[in-house]
Amino acid sequence: MATITMMTRTALADALMAEDHAEDNGWLDALDRMTCPAHRRWVHQCCHSDLHVSRVSGHRWCRPCGRALEVAVDEVGRTIALHCPGCGRGARTRADAQLVAACAASLTASVTTRTRIAA
């Protein structure tokens, strides 16, 4: 188990380093990352943090209500959903779709890493 945990951490560290490099060189948009440079985690594991709410870009933000959207990540079912606690709207904007896509890619990458290590 310790070996699997260490390998998983190594895969995450490698992904973080690669995305940091790609972003620094202009090859990757910061909002398309699978990893979080602030939390140093897979983005689906920390996207619920208030740090990931942006009124300007609309990421995790309901403009009509002026509230942060809630995020539900189901790692077993591999689903990601956004929900406004005020009006109940779900993911509708390009920013919402971008966050869901980044979380889905992050979830897939983390599961693929665990599957490869366990095999």
C-alpha atoms as a PDB file:
ATOM      1  CA  MET A   1       0.000   0.000   0.000  1.00  0.00           C
ATOM      2  CA  ALA A   2       2.829   2.420   0.832  1.00  0.00           C
ATOM      3  CA  THR A   3       4.378   1.784  -2.590  1.00  0.00           C
ATOM      4  CA  ILE A   4       1.088   2.543  -4.343  1.00  0.00           C
ATOM      5  CA  THR A   5       0.673   5.749  -2.331  1.00  0.00           C
ATOM      6  CA  MET A   6       4.219   6.859  -3.141  1.00  0.00           C
ATOM      7  CA  MET A   7       3.773   6.084  -6.858  1.00  0.00           C
ATOM      8  CA  THR A   8       0.485   7.987  -6.932  1.00  0.00           C
ATOM      9  CA  ARG A   9       2.163  10.991  -5.286  1.00  0.00           C
ATOM     10  CA  THR A  10       5.014  10.758  -7.789  1.00  0.00           C
ATOM     11  CA  ALA A  11       2.544  10.750 -10.698  1.00  0.00           C
ATOM     12  CA  LEU A  12       0.813  13.820  -9.252  1.00  0.00           C
ATOM     13  CA  ALA A  13       4.151  15.582  -8.719  1.00  0.00           C
ATOM     14  CA  ASP A  14       5.152  14.814 -12.320  1.00  0.00           C
ATOM     15  CA  ALA A  15       1.814  16.125 -13.624  1.00  0.00           C
ATOM     16  CA  LEU A  16       2.129  19.293 -11.528  1.00  0.00           C
ATOM     17  CA  MET A  17       5.647  19.925 -12.806  1.00  0.00           C
ATOM     18  CA  ALA A  18       4.664  19.303 -16.433  1.00  0.00           C
ATOM     19  CA  GLU A  19       1.648  21.604 -16.216  1.00  0.00           C
ATOM     20  CA  ASP A  20       3.650  24.308 -14.414  1.00  0.00           C
ATOM     21  CA  HIS A  21       6.195  24.177 -17.247  1.00  0.00           C
ATOM     22  CA  ALA A  22       3.523  24.177 -19.970  1.00  0.00           C
ATOM     23  CA  GLU A  23       1.703  27.112 -18.386  1.00  0.00           C
ATOM     24  CA  ASP A  24       4.942  29.098 -17.915  1.00  0.00           C
ATOM     25  CA  ASN A  25       5.748  28.630 -21.608  1.00  0.00           C
ATOM     26  CA  GLY A  26       2.280  29.590 -22.825  1.00  0.00           C
ATOM     27  CA  TRP A  27       1.305  26.113 -24.004  1.00  0.00           C
ATOM     28  CA  LEU A  28      -1.422  25.614 -21.404  1.00  0.00           C
ATOM     29  CA  ASP A  29      -4.141  27.952 -20.164  1.00  0.00           C
ATOM     30  CA  ALA A  30      -4.200  28.127 -16.368  1.00  0.00           C
ATOM     31  CA  LEU A  31      -7.927  27.330 -16.381  1.00  0.00           C
ATOM     32  CA  ASP A  32      -7.415  24.104 -18.361  1.00  0.00           C
ATOM     33  CA  ARG A  33      -5.072  22.481 -15.839  1.00  0.00           C
ATOM     34  CA  MET A  34      -5.753  19.021 -14.367  1.00  0.00           C
ATOM     35  CA  THR A  35      -3.648  19.918 -11.351  1.00  0.00           C
ATOM     36  CA  CYS A  36      -3.943  22.826  -8.937  1.00  0.00           C
ATOM     37  CA  PRO A  37      -0.780  24.885  -8.465  1.00  0.00           C
ATOM     38  CA  ALA A  38      -2.150  26.468  -5.261  1.00  0.00           C
ATOM     39  CA  HIS A  39      -3.215  23.280  -3.465  1.00  0.00           C
ATOM     40  CA  ARG A  40      -0.730  20.952  -5.230  1.00  0.00           C
ATOM     41  CA  ARG A  41      -3.493  18.394  -5.801  1.00  0.00           C
ATOM     42  CA  TRP A  42      -5.574  17.033  -8.654  1.00  0.00           C
ATOM     43  CA  VAL A  43      -8.049  19.807  -9.463  1.00  0.00           C
ATOM     44  CA  HIS A  44     -11.116  17.601  -8.849  1.00  0.00           C
ATOM     45  CA  GLN A  45      -9.895  17.154  -5.254  1.00  0.00           C
ATOM     46  CA  CYS A  46      -9.832  20.867  -4.435  1.00  0.00           C
ATOM     47  CA  CYS A  47     -12.213  22.595  -6.874  1.00  0.00           C
ATOM     48  CA  HIS A  48     -14.705  23.027  -4.019  1.00  0.00           C
ATOM     49  CA  SER A  49     -12.326  25.516  -2.354  1.00  0.00           C
ATOM     50  CA  ASP A  50     -13.328  29.178  -2.374  1.00  0.00           C
ATOM     51  CA  LEU A  51      -9.975  29.866  -4.026  1.00  0.00           C
ATOM     52  CA  HIS A  52     -11.455  28.376  -7.208  1.00  0.00           C
ATOM     53  CA  VAL A  53     -14.358  30.838  -7.373  1.00  0.00           C
ATOM     54  CA  SER A  54     -13.932  33.711  -9.820  1.00  0.00           C
ATOM     55  CA  ARG A  55     -16.556  36.392 -10.282  1.00  0.00           C
ATOM     56  CA  VAL A  56     -14.576  37.848 -13.180  1.00  0.00           C
ATOM     57  CA  SER A  57     -14.287  34.710 -15.316  1.00  0.00           C
ATOM     58  CA  GLY A  58     -17.501  33.146 -13.995  1.00  0.00           C
ATOM     59  CA  HIS A  59     -15.821  29.990 -12.721  1.00  0.00           C
ATOM     60  CA  ARG A  60     -18.007  28.497  -9.987  1.00  0.00           C
ATOM     61  CA  TRP A  61     -20.065  31.694  -9.935  1.00  0.00           C
ATOM     62  CA  CYS A  62     -23.808  32.249 -10.392  1.00  0.00           C
ATOM     63  CA  ARG A  63     -24.174  35.777 -11.732  1.00  0.00           C
ATOM     64  CA  PRO A  64     -27.948  36.041 -11.220  1.00  0.00           C
ATOM     65  CA  CYS A  65     -27.664  35.088  -7.520  1.00  0.00           C
ATOM     66  CA  GLY A  66     -24.207  36.455  -6.821  1.00  0.00           C
ATOM     67  CA  ARG A  67     -23.219  33.211  -5.103  1.00  0.00           C
ATOM     68  CA  ALA A  68     -20.570  30.550  -5.462  1.00  0.00           C
ATOM     69  CA  LEU A  69     -21.691  27.350  -7.136  1.00  0.00           C
ATOM     70  CA  GLU A  70     -21.373  24.127  -5.176  1.00  0.00           C
ATOM     71  CA  VAL A  71     -19.363  21.307  -6.738  1.00  0.00           C
ATOM     72  CA  ALA A  72     -20.137  17.618  -6.415  1.00  0.00           C
ATOM     73  CA  VAL A  73     -17.458  15.186  -7.567  1.00  0.00           C
ATOM     74  CA  ASP A  74     -18.406  11.512  -7.571  1.00  0.00           C
ATOM     75  CA  GLU A  75     -15.154   9.586  -7.945  1.00  0.00           C
ATOM     76  CA  VAL A  76     -16.942   6.223  -8.199  1.00  0.00           C
ATOM     77  CA  GLY A  77     -19.441   7.296 -10.857  1.00  0.00           C
ATOM     78  CA  ARG A  78     -16.878   9.679 -12.388  1.00  0.00           C
ATOM     79  CA  THR A  79     -19.316  12.571 -12.555  1.00  0.00           C
ATOM     80  CA  ILE A  80     -18.927  16.263 -11.802  1.00  0.00           C
ATOM     81  CA  ALA A  81     -21.877  18.559 -11.204  1.00  0.00           C
ATOM     82  CA  LEU A  82     -22.235  22.256 -10.404  1.00  0.00           C
ATOM     83  CA  HIS A  83     -25.232  23.598  -8.510  1.00  0.00           C
ATOM     84  CA  CYS A  84     -26.277  27.025  -7.275  1.00  0.00           C
ATOM     85  CA  PRO A  85     -27.617  26.856  -3.710  1.00  0.00           C
ATOM     86  CA  GLY A  86     -29.727  29.952  -4.414  1.00  0.00           C
ATOM     87  CA  CYS A  87     -31.558  29.415  -7.698  1.00  0.00           C
ATOM     88  CA  GLY A  88     -30.686  25.778  -8.345  1.00  0.00           C
ATOM     89  CA  ARG A  89     -29.174  26.328 -11.778  1.00  0.00           C
ATOM     90  CA  GLY A  90     -26.536  23.904 -12.943  1.00  0.00           C
ATOM     91  CA  ALA A  91     -23.589  24.284 -15.265  1.00  0.00           C
ATOM     92  CA  ARG A  92     -24.611  26.615 -18.105  1.00  0.00           C
ATOM     93  CA  THR A  93     -21.709  28.860 -19.007  1.00  0.00           C
ATOM     94  CA  ARG A  94     -18.473  28.307 -20.880  1.00  0.00           C
ATOM     95  CA  ALA A  95     -16.613  28.776 -17.584  1.00  0.00           C
ATOM     96  CA  ASP A  96     -18.765  26.062 -15.984  1.00  0.00           C
ATOM     97  CA  ALA A  97     -18.046  23.704 -18.885  1.00  0.00           C
ATOM     98  CA  GLN A  98     -14.328  24.477 -18.640  1.00  0.00           C
ATOM     99  CA  LEU A  99     -14.271  23.628 -14.928  1.00  0.00           C
ATOM    100  CA  VAL A 100     -16.236  20.411 -15.454  1.00  0.00           C
ATOM    101  CA  ALA A 101     -13.873  19.394 -18.291  1.00  0.00           C
ATOM    102  CA  ALA A 102     -10.780  20.119 -16.174  1.00  0.00           C
ATOM    103  CA  CYS A 103     -12.230  18.116 -13.270  1.00  0.00           C
ATOM    104  CA  ALA A 104     -13.152  15.223 -15.567  1.00  0.00           C
ATOM    105  CA  ALA A 105      -9.627  15.173 -17.026  1.00  0.00           C
ATOM    106  CA  SER A 106      -8.158  15.348 -13.526  1.00  0.00           C
ATOM    107  CA  LEU A 107     -10.352  12.516 -12.305  1.00  0.00           C
ATOM    108  CA  THR A 108      -9.435  10.359 -15.304  1.00  0.00           C
ATOM    109  CA  ALA A 109      -5.718  11.067 -14.874  1.00  0.00           C
ATOM    110  CA  SER A 110      -5.784  10.201 -11.183  1.00  0.00           C
ATOM    111  CA  VAL A 111      -7.756   6.983 -11.751  1.00  0.00           C
ATOM    112  CA  THR A 112      -5.515   5.969 -14.668  1.00  0.00           C
ATOM    113  CA  THR A 113      -2.469   6.506 -12.472  1.00  0.00           C
ATOM    114  CA  ARG A 114      -3.896   4.341  -9.691  1.00  0.00           C
ATOM    115  CA  THR A 115      -4.948   1.629 -12.172  1.00  0.00           C
ATOM    116  CA  ARG A 116      -1.500   1.514 -13.810  1.00  0.00           C
ATOM    117  CA  ILE A 117       0.224   1.282 -10.434  1.00  0.00           C
ATOM    118  CA  ALA A 118      -2.069  -1.489  -9.150  1.00  0.00           C
ATOM    119  CA  ALA A 119      -1.581  -3.633 -12.272  1.00  0.00           C
END
